[in-house]
């Protein structure tokens, strides 16, 4: 049987990988993937705690809302990245520091 600590260990690993990707990559798409990994770690925590909560299904409900929110933010972020690429011809966040030109 899988314990709660197993879920939390996998979630912590996903979160650390996502944080590493955010801190080391210079590509906006890869940074977005790191953010998604961190969100998936949080969703896994919600589902794991919801599984071991015998009273209600609150964890699964919050996880569903978090998945919808993650999909919406990904769509908005990709639209922003495409517009920045159209203007600057790069997706490196370090090279787009003057957005008011």
N, C-alpha and C. Protein backbone atom coordinates (compact mmCIF):
# COMPACT_ATOMS: atom_id res chain seq x y z
N UNK A 1 0.84 -1.18 0.00
CA UNK A 1 0.00 0.00 0.00
C UNK A 1 0.88 1.24 0.00
N UNK A 2 0.44 2.24 -0.72
CA UNK A 2 1.19 3.49 -0.83
C UNK A 2 0.77 4.41 0.32
N UNK A 3 1.75 4.88 1.07
CA UNK A 3 1.49 5.76 2.21
C UNK A 3 1.45 7.22 1.76
N UNK A 4 0.98 8.06 2.65
CA UNK A 4 0.95 9.49 2.38
C UNK A 4 2.35 10.04 2.20
N UNK A 5 3.30 9.51 2.95
CA UNK A 5 4.68 10.00 2.83
C UNK A 5 5.27 9.71 1.45
N UNK A 6 4.84 8.64 0.80
CA UNK A 6 5.30 8.35 -0.56
C UNK A 6 4.80 9.42 -1.54
N UNK A 7 3.53 9.79 -1.41
CA UNK A 7 2.99 10.85 -2.25
C UNK A 7 3.75 12.16 -2.02
N UNK A 8 4.00 12.48 -0.76
CA UNK A 8 4.68 13.73 -0.44
C UNK A 8 6.12 13.73 -0.93
N UNK A 9 6.77 12.58 -0.92
CA UNK A 9 8.14 12.48 -1.42
C UNK A 9 8.19 12.72 -2.93
N UNK A 10 7.26 12.11 -3.67
CA UNK A 10 7.20 12.33 -5.11
C UNK A 10 6.86 13.79 -5.41
N UNK A 11 5.96 14.36 -4.66
CA UNK A 11 5.57 15.75 -4.84
C UNK A 11 6.74 16.69 -4.56
N UNK A 12 7.49 16.42 -3.52
CA UNK A 12 8.66 17.25 -3.21
C UNK A 12 9.71 17.13 -4.32
N UNK A 13 9.88 15.94 -4.87
CA UNK A 13 10.81 15.76 -5.98
C UNK A 13 10.38 16.55 -7.20
N UNK A 14 9.10 16.49 -7.55
CA UNK A 14 8.58 17.26 -8.68
C UNK A 14 8.77 18.76 -8.46
N UNK A 15 8.49 19.21 -7.25
CA UNK A 15 8.63 20.63 -6.95
C UNK A 15 10.08 21.07 -7.07
N UNK A 16 11.00 20.26 -6.57
CA UNK A 16 12.43 20.62 -6.66
C UNK A 16 12.92 20.62 -8.10
N UNK A 17 12.45 19.68 -8.90
CA UNK A 17 12.83 19.67 -10.32
C UNK A 17 12.29 20.92 -11.02
N UNK A 18 11.06 21.27 -10.73
CA UNK A 18 10.48 22.48 -11.32
C UNK A 18 11.22 23.74 -10.90
N UNK A 19 11.59 23.82 -9.64
CA UNK A 19 12.36 24.98 -9.17
C UNK A 19 13.72 25.05 -9.83
N UNK A 20 14.37 23.90 -10.00
CA UNK A 20 15.66 23.86 -10.66
C UNK A 20 15.54 24.34 -12.12
N UNK A 21 14.48 23.89 -12.80
CA UNK A 21 14.28 24.30 -14.19
C UNK A 21 14.07 25.80 -14.28
N UNK A 22 13.29 26.36 -13.36
CA UNK A 22 13.04 27.80 -13.39
C UNK A 22 14.32 28.59 -13.15
N UNK A 23 15.14 28.13 -12.23
CA UNK A 23 16.34 28.89 -11.88
C UNK A 23 17.47 28.75 -12.88
N UNK A 24 17.50 27.69 -13.67
CA UNK A 24 18.66 27.46 -14.55
C UNK A 24 18.40 27.71 -16.02
N UNK A 25 17.18 27.68 -16.48
CA UNK A 25 16.91 27.79 -17.91
C UNK A 25 16.77 29.25 -18.34
N UNK A 26 17.17 29.52 -19.57
CA UNK A 26 17.06 30.86 -20.14
C UNK A 26 16.06 30.91 -21.28
N UNK A 27 15.18 29.95 -21.33
CA UNK A 27 14.18 29.87 -22.36
C UNK A 27 12.81 30.01 -21.70
N UNK A 28 11.98 30.89 -22.22
CA UNK A 28 10.68 31.14 -21.59
C UNK A 28 9.79 29.91 -21.58
N UNK A 29 9.87 29.10 -22.62
CA UNK A 29 9.05 27.89 -22.67
C UNK A 29 9.50 26.91 -21.59
N UNK A 30 10.80 26.78 -21.39
CA UNK A 30 11.31 25.87 -20.37
C UNK A 30 10.97 26.38 -18.96
N UNK A 31 10.98 27.69 -18.77
CA UNK A 31 10.56 28.25 -17.48
C UNK A 31 9.09 27.95 -17.24
N UNK A 32 8.28 28.04 -18.29
CA UNK A 32 6.86 27.71 -18.17
C UNK A 32 6.66 26.23 -17.82
N UNK A 33 7.48 25.36 -18.38
CA UNK A 33 7.42 23.94 -18.04
C UNK A 33 7.78 23.73 -16.57
N UNK A 34 8.77 24.47 -16.07
CA UNK A 34 9.13 24.38 -14.65
C UNK A 34 7.99 24.81 -13.74
N UNK A 35 7.30 25.86 -14.13
CA UNK A 35 6.15 26.32 -13.35
C UNK A 35 5.06 25.26 -13.35
N UNK A 36 4.84 24.64 -14.50
CA UNK A 36 3.83 23.57 -14.57
C UNK A 36 4.21 22.38 -13.70
N UNK A 37 5.49 22.04 -13.64
CA UNK A 37 5.92 20.96 -12.75
C UNK A 37 5.63 21.30 -11.29
N UNK A 38 5.87 22.54 -10.92
CA UNK A 38 5.60 22.96 -9.54
C UNK A 38 4.09 22.92 -9.25
N UNK A 39 3.28 23.34 -10.21
CA UNK A 39 1.83 23.26 -10.03
C UNK A 39 1.36 21.81 -9.92
N UNK A 40 1.95 20.93 -10.72
CA UNK A 40 1.58 19.51 -10.63
C UNK A 40 1.97 18.92 -9.29
N UNK A 41 3.07 19.38 -8.71
CA UNK A 41 3.45 18.92 -7.37
C UNK A 41 2.40 19.35 -6.34
N UNK A 42 1.93 20.59 -6.47
CA UNK A 42 0.89 21.06 -5.55
C UNK A 42 -0.41 20.29 -5.74
N UNK A 43 -0.77 19.99 -6.98
CA UNK A 43 -1.99 19.23 -7.25
C UNK A 43 -1.87 17.81 -6.69
N UNK A 44 -0.70 17.22 -6.81
CA UNK A 44 -0.48 15.88 -6.25
C UNK A 44 -0.65 15.90 -4.73
N UNK A 45 -0.18 16.96 -4.09
CA UNK A 45 -0.39 17.10 -2.65
C UNK A 45 -1.87 17.19 -2.31
N UNK A 46 -2.61 17.98 -3.08
CA UNK A 46 -4.04 18.11 -2.82
C UNK A 46 -4.76 16.77 -2.95
N UNK A 47 -4.44 16.03 -4.01
CA UNK A 47 -5.09 14.73 -4.21
C UNK A 47 -4.68 13.74 -3.12
N UNK A 48 -3.40 13.76 -2.73
CA UNK A 48 -2.94 12.83 -1.70
C UNK A 48 -3.61 13.11 -0.36
N UNK A 49 -3.69 14.37 0.03
CA UNK A 49 -4.36 14.68 1.28
C UNK A 49 -5.86 14.42 1.19
N UNK A 50 -6.44 14.62 0.00
CA UNK A 50 -7.85 14.32 -0.18
C UNK A 50 -8.13 12.83 -0.10
N UNK A 51 -7.18 12.01 -0.53
CA UNK A 51 -7.37 10.56 -0.47
C UNK A 51 -7.41 10.07 0.97
N UNK A 52 -6.60 10.67 1.81
CA UNK A 52 -6.53 10.22 3.21
C UNK A 52 -7.51 10.97 4.11
N UNK A 53 -8.28 11.90 3.56
CA UNK A 53 -9.34 12.58 4.32
C UNK A 53 -10.63 11.80 4.10
N UNK A 54 -11.08 11.12 5.12
CA UNK A 54 -12.25 10.25 4.98
C UNK A 54 -13.58 11.00 5.04
N UNK A 55 -13.55 12.27 5.41
CA UNK A 55 -14.79 13.01 5.62
C UNK A 55 -15.34 13.57 4.31
N UNK A 56 -14.50 14.21 3.51
CA UNK A 56 -14.99 14.87 2.30
C UNK A 56 -14.01 14.67 1.15
N UNK A 57 -14.41 15.12 -0.02
CA UNK A 57 -13.57 15.08 -1.21
C UNK A 57 -13.03 16.47 -1.54
N UNK A 58 -12.68 17.23 -0.54
CA UNK A 58 -12.22 18.59 -0.75
C UNK A 58 -10.91 18.67 -1.51
N UNK A 59 -10.01 17.73 -1.28
CA UNK A 59 -8.72 17.74 -1.96
C UNK A 59 -8.87 17.55 -3.46
N UNK A 60 -9.73 16.61 -3.85
CA UNK A 60 -9.95 16.38 -5.28
C UNK A 60 -10.64 17.57 -5.94
N UNK A 61 -11.55 18.21 -5.22
CA UNK A 61 -12.24 19.38 -5.75
C UNK A 61 -11.26 20.52 -5.97
N UNK A 62 -10.42 20.80 -4.98
CA UNK A 62 -9.42 21.85 -5.13
C UNK A 62 -8.42 21.51 -6.23
N UNK A 63 -8.09 20.24 -6.38
CA UNK A 63 -7.17 19.82 -7.43
C UNK A 63 -7.78 20.08 -8.81
N UNK A 64 -9.07 19.82 -8.96
CA UNK A 64 -9.73 20.09 -10.23
C UNK A 64 -9.69 21.57 -10.56
N UNK A 65 -9.95 22.43 -9.58
CA UNK A 65 -9.87 23.86 -9.81
C UNK A 65 -8.44 24.29 -10.13
N UNK A 66 -7.46 23.67 -9.49
CA UNK A 66 -6.06 24.01 -9.77
C UNK A 66 -5.66 23.60 -11.17
N UNK A 67 -6.18 22.47 -11.67
CA UNK A 67 -5.88 22.04 -13.03
C UNK A 67 -6.48 23.02 -14.04
N UNK A 68 -7.70 23.46 -13.80
CA UNK A 68 -8.34 24.44 -14.68
C UNK A 68 -7.56 25.75 -14.66
N UNK A 69 -7.14 26.19 -13.49
CA UNK A 69 -6.36 27.41 -13.37
C UNK A 69 -5.02 27.28 -14.07
N UNK A 70 -4.37 26.14 -13.96
CA UNK A 70 -3.08 25.92 -14.62
C UNK A 70 -3.24 25.95 -16.14
N UNK A 71 -4.31 25.38 -16.65
CA UNK A 71 -4.54 25.40 -18.10
C UNK A 71 -4.78 26.82 -18.60
N UNK A 72 -5.53 27.61 -17.84
CA UNK A 72 -5.80 28.99 -18.24
C UNK A 72 -4.53 29.83 -18.20
N UNK A 73 -3.73 29.68 -17.16
CA UNK A 73 -2.50 30.48 -17.07
C UNK A 73 -1.50 30.06 -18.14
N UNK A 74 -1.48 28.79 -18.50
CA UNK A 74 -0.58 28.34 -19.57
C UNK A 74 -0.98 28.95 -20.90
N UNK A 75 -2.26 29.01 -21.17
CA UNK A 75 -2.72 29.62 -22.42
C UNK A 75 -2.35 31.10 -22.48
N UNK A 76 -2.54 31.81 -21.39
CA UNK A 76 -2.19 33.23 -21.35
C UNK A 76 -0.68 33.42 -21.48
N UNK A 77 0.10 32.59 -20.79
CA UNK A 77 1.55 32.71 -20.84
C UNK A 77 2.08 32.42 -22.25
N UNK A 78 1.52 31.42 -22.91
CA UNK A 78 1.96 31.13 -24.28
C UNK A 78 1.61 32.27 -25.23
N UNK A 79 0.47 32.90 -25.04
CA UNK A 79 0.12 34.06 -25.87
C UNK A 79 1.08 35.21 -25.64
N UNK A 80 1.45 35.44 -24.40
CA UNK A 80 2.42 36.50 -24.10
C UNK A 80 3.78 36.17 -24.71
N UNK A 81 4.21 34.92 -24.59
CA UNK A 81 5.51 34.52 -25.14
C UNK A 81 5.52 34.69 -26.65
N UNK A 82 4.43 34.32 -27.32
CA UNK A 82 4.36 34.49 -28.78
C UNK A 82 4.42 35.95 -29.18
N UNK A 83 3.75 36.83 -28.44
CA UNK A 83 3.81 38.26 -28.76
C UNK A 83 5.18 38.84 -28.50
N UNK A 84 5.84 38.41 -27.45
CA UNK A 84 7.20 38.88 -27.18
C UNK A 84 8.15 38.39 -28.26
N UNK A 85 7.97 37.15 -28.71
CA UNK A 85 8.82 36.63 -29.78
C UNK A 85 8.60 37.39 -31.08
N UNK A 86 7.36 37.75 -31.35
CA UNK A 86 7.05 38.49 -32.57
C UNK A 86 7.76 39.85 -32.59
N UNK A 87 7.89 40.47 -31.42
CA UNK A 87 8.51 41.79 -31.35
C UNK A 87 10.02 41.72 -31.27
N UNK A 88 10.58 40.80 -30.46
CA UNK A 88 12.02 40.78 -30.18
C UNK A 88 12.77 39.66 -30.88
N UNK A 89 12.08 38.72 -31.50
CA UNK A 89 12.69 37.58 -32.19
C UNK A 89 13.55 36.72 -31.26
N UNK A 90 13.21 36.67 -30.00
CA UNK A 90 13.87 35.81 -29.02
C UNK A 90 12.89 35.47 -27.91
N UNK A 91 13.11 34.31 -27.27
CA UNK A 91 12.29 33.96 -26.12
C UNK A 91 13.14 33.90 -24.86
N UNK A 92 14.33 34.48 -24.92
CA UNK A 92 15.20 34.57 -23.75
C UNK A 92 14.69 35.71 -22.86
N UNK A 93 14.27 35.42 -21.63
CA UNK A 93 13.72 36.48 -20.77
C UNK A 93 14.75 37.56 -20.43
N UNK A 94 16.02 37.23 -20.45
CA UNK A 94 17.05 38.21 -20.13
C UNK A 94 17.25 39.26 -21.20
N UNK A 95 16.86 38.97 -22.43
CA UNK A 95 17.06 39.89 -23.54
C UNK A 95 15.86 40.77 -23.82
N UNK A 96 14.79 40.58 -23.08
CA UNK A 96 13.58 41.39 -23.27
C UNK A 96 13.34 42.26 -22.06
N UNK A 97 14.35 43.05 -21.68
CA UNK A 97 14.23 43.85 -20.47
C UNK A 97 13.68 45.25 -20.74
N UNK A 98 13.54 45.64 -21.97
CA UNK A 98 12.97 46.96 -22.29
C UNK A 98 11.72 46.77 -23.13
N UNK A 99 10.61 46.55 -22.46
CA UNK A 99 9.36 46.23 -23.14
C UNK A 99 8.59 47.47 -23.59
N UNK A 100 9.05 48.68 -23.26
CA UNK A 100 8.30 49.88 -23.60
C UNK A 100 8.77 50.53 -24.88
N UNK A 101 9.55 49.87 -25.70
CA UNK A 101 10.03 50.49 -26.96
C UNK A 101 9.04 50.36 -28.07
